[in-house]
N, C-alpha and C. Protein backbone atom coordinates (compact mmCIF):
# COMPACT_ATOMS: atom_id res chain seq x y z
N MET A 1 26.11 -134.24 45.86
CA MET A 1 26.50 -133.14 45.27
C MET A 1 24.91 -132.57 44.27
N ARG A 2 23.46 -132.92 44.62
CA ARG A 2 22.28 -132.63 43.82
C ARG A 2 21.95 -131.89 45.06
N SER A 3 22.15 -131.96 46.23
CA SER A 3 21.83 -131.20 47.42
C SER A 3 22.21 -130.25 47.71
N GLY A 4 23.41 -129.85 47.06
CA GLY A 4 24.42 -128.81 47.68
C GLY A 4 23.90 -127.50 46.83
N PHE A 5 23.40 -128.18 45.18
CA PHE A 5 22.89 -127.43 44.16
C PHE A 5 21.56 -126.63 44.62
N GLY A 6 21.01 -127.48 44.91
CA GLY A 6 19.66 -127.60 45.34
C GLY A 6 19.38 -126.29 46.62
N ASN A 7 20.53 -126.45 47.63
CA ASN A 7 20.68 -125.51 48.86
C ASN A 7 20.84 -123.84 48.26
N VAL A 8 21.40 -123.81 46.68
CA VAL A 8 22.03 -122.31 46.03
C VAL A 8 20.75 -122.27 45.83
N GLN A 9 19.70 -122.52 45.08
CA GLN A 9 18.88 -122.55 43.74
C GLN A 9 17.66 -121.53 45.44
N VAL A 10 17.88 -122.42 46.60
CA VAL A 10 16.69 -121.92 47.05
C VAL A 10 17.21 -120.39 48.02
N GLY A 11 18.55 -120.88 48.10
CA GLY A 11 19.07 -119.49 48.69
C GLY A 11 18.89 -118.38 48.12
N ILE A 12 19.06 -117.93 46.17
CA ILE A 12 18.74 -117.51 45.27
C ILE A 12 17.54 -116.94 45.50
N VAL A 13 16.41 -117.65 45.46
CA VAL A 13 15.42 -117.80 45.49
C VAL A 13 14.62 -116.66 47.11
N LEU A 14 15.42 -117.10 47.92
CA LEU A 14 14.88 -116.33 49.56
C LEU A 14 15.37 -115.12 49.26
N ALA A 15 16.66 -114.93 48.62
CA ALA A 15 17.76 -113.67 48.26
C ALA A 15 16.75 -112.64 47.26
N VAL A 16 15.45 -112.88 46.55
CA VAL A 16 15.12 -111.91 45.75
C VAL A 16 13.96 -111.63 45.77
N ALA A 17 13.19 -113.09 46.46
CA ALA A 17 12.15 -112.88 47.25
C ALA A 17 12.05 -111.64 48.40
N MET A 18 12.95 -111.34 49.33
CA MET A 18 13.05 -110.37 49.88
C MET A 18 13.55 -109.01 49.67
N MET A 19 13.79 -109.34 48.45
CA MET A 19 14.90 -107.72 47.92
C MET A 19 13.06 -107.35 47.48
N LEU A 20 12.32 -108.19 46.61
CA LEU A 20 10.87 -107.78 46.25
C LEU A 20 10.03 -106.89 47.25
N GLY A 21 10.29 -108.19 48.25
CA GLY A 21 9.52 -107.56 49.31
C GLY A 21 9.58 -106.20 49.79
N ALA A 22 11.00 -105.81 49.92
CA ALA A 22 11.44 -104.82 50.62
C ALA A 22 11.05 -103.33 50.00
N GLY A 23 11.27 -103.60 48.43
CA GLY A 23 10.35 -102.71 47.81
C GLY A 23 9.16 -102.09 47.43
N GLU A 24 8.29 -103.48 47.87
CA GLU A 24 7.14 -103.01 47.45
C GLU A 24 6.77 -102.16 49.20
N ALA A 25 7.52 -102.52 50.25
CA ALA A 25 7.23 -102.35 51.52
C ALA A 25 7.45 -101.03 51.50
N SER A 26 8.47 -100.21 50.85
CA SER A 26 8.92 -98.85 50.59
C SER A 26 7.95 -97.69 49.77
N ALA A 27 7.43 -98.48 48.82
CA ALA A 27 6.88 -97.51 47.70
C ALA A 27 5.45 -96.73 48.27
N THR A 28 5.32 -95.54 47.81
CA THR A 28 4.50 -94.60 48.74
C THR A 28 3.20 -94.82 47.71
N PRO A 29 2.16 -94.95 47.77
CA PRO A 29 1.31 -94.81 46.75
C PRO A 29 0.31 -93.18 46.50
N LEU A 30 0.21 -93.19 45.13
CA LEU A 30 0.06 -91.45 44.70
C LEU A 30 -1.52 -91.95 44.56
N THR A 31 -1.98 -90.75 45.76
CA THR A 31 -3.86 -91.36 45.54
C THR A 31 -4.39 -89.71 45.18
N PRO A 32 -4.75 -89.88 43.66
CA PRO A 32 -5.23 -88.52 43.35
C PRO A 32 -6.26 -88.50 44.00
N PHE A 33 -7.19 -86.82 44.03
CA PHE A 33 -8.36 -86.46 44.36
C PHE A 33 -8.97 -85.64 42.94
N ARG A 34 -10.47 -85.92 43.12
CA ARG A 34 -10.52 -84.59 42.51
C ARG A 34 -11.16 -83.40 43.20
N TYR A 35 -11.92 -83.63 43.92
CA TYR A 35 -11.25 -82.50 44.97
C TYR A 35 -10.51 -81.97 45.75
N GLU A 36 -10.14 -81.00 46.32
CA GLU A 36 -9.47 -80.28 47.34
C GLU A 36 -9.83 -80.87 48.77
N GLY A 37 -10.92 -81.23 49.13
CA GLY A 37 -11.46 -81.49 50.35
C GLY A 37 -11.27 -82.88 50.27
N GLN A 38 -11.48 -83.72 49.71
CA GLN A 38 -11.01 -84.80 49.72
C GLN A 38 -9.62 -85.33 49.98
N ALA A 39 -8.47 -84.76 49.21
CA ALA A 39 -7.37 -84.57 49.72
C ALA A 39 -6.98 -84.51 51.15
N GLN A 40 -7.09 -83.02 51.10
CA GLN A 40 -7.03 -82.64 52.81
C GLN A 40 -7.65 -83.66 53.37
N ARG A 41 -8.76 -84.45 53.60
CA ARG A 41 -8.95 -85.07 54.47
C ARG A 41 -8.18 -86.85 54.76
N HIS A 42 -7.71 -86.98 53.52
CA HIS A 42 -6.69 -87.85 53.04
C HIS A 42 -5.33 -87.82 53.74
N CYS A 43 -4.94 -86.56 53.83
CA CYS A 43 -3.65 -86.32 54.70
C CYS A 43 -3.65 -84.81 55.80
N PRO A 44 -4.53 -84.75 56.47
CA PRO A 44 -4.85 -83.57 57.25
C PRO A 44 -3.81 -82.82 57.85
N HIS A 45 -2.67 -83.60 57.85
CA HIS A 45 -0.85 -83.03 58.48
C HIS A 45 0.09 -82.53 57.45
N ASP A 46 -0.92 -82.78 56.27
CA ASP A 46 0.11 -82.11 54.97
C ASP A 46 -0.89 -81.12 54.35
N GLN A 47 0.11 -80.91 52.98
CA GLN A 47 -0.28 -79.81 52.44
C GLN A 47 -0.40 -80.68 51.21
N VAL A 48 -1.73 -79.71 50.55
CA VAL A 48 -2.36 -80.27 49.15
C VAL A 48 -2.06 -79.48 48.10
N VAL A 49 -1.80 -80.35 47.49
CA VAL A 49 -1.17 -79.74 46.17
C VAL A 49 -1.92 -80.18 44.59
N TRP A 50 -1.83 -79.06 43.59
CA TRP A 50 -2.30 -80.00 42.39
C TRP A 50 -1.22 -80.60 41.39
N LEU A 51 -1.52 -81.19 41.26
CA LEU A 51 -0.05 -82.27 40.07
C LEU A 51 -1.15 -82.61 38.59
N ASP A 52 0.13 -81.86 38.19
CA ASP A 52 -0.01 -82.37 36.79
C ASP A 52 0.81 -83.35 36.43
N PHE A 53 -0.47 -84.04 35.84
CA PHE A 53 0.51 -85.32 35.48
C PHE A 53 1.46 -85.26 34.04
N ARG A 54 0.71 -84.69 33.17
CA ARG A 54 1.30 -84.15 31.70
C ARG A 54 2.96 -83.77 31.77
N LYS A 55 2.58 -82.91 32.86
CA LYS A 55 4.45 -81.75 32.88
C LYS A 55 4.96 -82.26 33.78
N GLY A 56 4.03 -83.40 34.76
CA GLY A 56 5.28 -83.63 35.63
C GLY A 56 5.87 -83.20 37.20
N VAL A 57 4.72 -82.17 37.09
CA VAL A 57 4.71 -81.31 37.82
C VAL A 57 4.08 -80.85 39.01
N TYR A 58 4.12 -80.61 40.40
CA TYR A 58 2.85 -79.69 40.75
C TYR A 58 2.82 -78.83 41.53
N TYR A 59 2.01 -77.67 41.55
CA TYR A 59 1.98 -76.15 41.67
C TYR A 59 1.31 -76.52 43.41
N GLY A 60 1.71 -75.33 44.25
CA GLY A 60 0.88 -75.21 45.82
C GLY A 60 -0.18 -74.01 45.74
N ARG A 61 -0.80 -73.87 46.54
CA ARG A 61 -2.12 -73.05 46.67
C ARG A 61 -2.25 -71.69 46.08
N GLY A 62 -0.97 -71.01 46.29
CA GLY A 62 -0.70 -69.70 45.68
C GLY A 62 0.09 -69.54 44.17
N GLN A 63 0.08 -70.57 43.52
CA GLN A 63 0.17 -70.36 42.21
C GLN A 63 -0.85 -70.69 41.36
N ARG A 64 -0.89 -69.90 39.99
CA ARG A 64 -1.99 -69.37 39.29
C ARG A 64 -2.57 -70.39 38.71
N ARG A 65 -1.45 -72.05 38.48
CA ARG A 65 -2.14 -73.15 37.68
C ARG A 65 -2.81 -74.00 38.50
N TYR A 66 -2.74 -73.66 40.15
CA TYR A 66 -3.28 -74.65 40.86
C TYR A 66 -4.59 -74.98 40.50
N GLY A 67 -4.70 -75.87 40.23
CA GLY A 67 -6.40 -76.22 40.44
C GLY A 67 -7.09 -76.38 39.07
N GLN A 68 -6.21 -75.80 38.17
CA GLN A 68 -6.09 -75.56 36.98
C GLN A 68 -6.29 -76.88 35.75
N GLY A 69 -6.79 -76.97 34.85
CA GLY A 69 -6.30 -78.21 33.62
C GLY A 69 -7.15 -79.05 33.53
N PHE A 70 -6.77 -80.42 32.77
CA PHE A 70 -7.94 -81.11 32.52
C PHE A 70 -7.12 -82.97 33.17
N ASP A 71 -5.46 -81.90 33.50
CA ASP A 71 -4.69 -83.72 33.42
C ASP A 71 -3.61 -83.51 34.85
N GLY A 72 -4.98 -83.17 35.73
CA GLY A 72 -4.23 -83.21 37.12
C GLY A 72 -5.48 -83.50 37.90
N SER A 73 -4.42 -83.29 39.29
CA SER A 73 -5.22 -84.07 40.38
C SER A 73 -5.09 -83.28 41.48
N PHE A 74 -5.97 -82.97 42.80
CA PHE A 74 -5.23 -82.94 44.10
C PHE A 74 -4.69 -83.99 44.76
N VAL A 75 -3.41 -83.58 45.74
CA VAL A 75 -2.98 -84.76 45.99
C VAL A 75 -1.96 -84.61 47.19
N CYS A 76 -1.67 -85.39 48.28
CA CYS A 76 -0.83 -84.63 49.19
C CYS A 76 0.66 -84.80 49.02
N LEU A 77 1.25 -83.57 49.43
CA LEU A 77 2.77 -82.94 49.05
C LEU A 77 3.87 -84.10 49.09
N SER A 78 3.59 -85.20 50.24
CA SER A 78 4.52 -86.04 50.40
C SER A 78 4.28 -87.17 49.13
N GLU A 79 2.98 -87.27 49.20
CA GLU A 79 3.21 -88.41 47.78
C GLU A 79 3.73 -87.78 46.67
N ALA A 80 3.25 -86.58 46.36
CA ALA A 80 3.84 -85.79 44.83
C ALA A 80 5.43 -86.19 45.03
N ARG A 81 5.93 -85.88 46.19
CA ARG A 81 7.92 -86.14 46.20
C ARG A 81 7.97 -86.98 46.31
N ASP A 82 7.50 -88.04 46.93
CA ASP A 82 7.71 -89.41 46.79
C ASP A 82 7.83 -90.02 45.90
N SER A 83 7.05 -89.60 44.51
CA SER A 83 6.30 -90.34 43.32
C SER A 83 7.33 -89.25 42.42
N LEU A 84 7.94 -88.85 42.92
CA LEU A 84 9.55 -87.83 42.03
C LEU A 84 8.85 -86.53 41.44
N TYR A 85 7.45 -86.66 41.66
CA TYR A 85 6.86 -85.22 40.83
C TYR A 85 8.22 -83.63 41.37
N ARG A 86 8.23 -82.90 40.29
CA ARG A 86 8.87 -81.75 41.18
C ARG A 86 8.22 -80.73 40.87
N ARG A 87 8.24 -79.75 41.30
CA ARG A 87 7.70 -79.00 42.07
C ARG A 87 8.11 -77.31 41.34
N SER A 88 6.67 -77.09 40.82
CA SER A 88 6.85 -76.05 39.70
C SER A 88 7.04 -74.96 39.94
N LEU A 89 7.92 -73.94 39.11
CA LEU A 89 8.29 -72.67 39.91
C LEU A 89 7.69 -71.77 39.23
N LEU A 90 6.51 -71.96 37.90
CA LEU A 90 5.40 -70.90 37.66
C LEU A 90 4.86 -70.13 38.70
N GLY A 91 4.61 -68.89 38.47
CA GLY A 91 3.49 -68.50 39.46
C GLY A 91 3.94 -68.11 40.87
N LEU A 92 5.08 -68.51 40.79
CA LEU A 92 5.57 -68.28 42.78
C LEU A 92 5.78 -66.67 43.06
N ARG A 93 5.08 -66.75 44.44
CA ARG A 93 5.62 -65.40 45.13
C ARG A 93 6.00 -65.13 45.86
């Protein structure tokens, strides 16, 4: 009777460990950079955007607020999207 209960505990522990491991593997880290060139070297095949941490939005190169402000950094577009930041519609041409 005791060994059956132990097997259930082991199974639960393994299931939880697998779920935690799967979540960590699928997360994309957000790597902020101070300079645009640094971000472009980090992701040479992706677009670089200006991420405003306070507002939770990002700006593309043609937008007025691109590279402006104290609460932001240059990041790769794919990382910004994966981190659930949204595109700003201000200043789009």
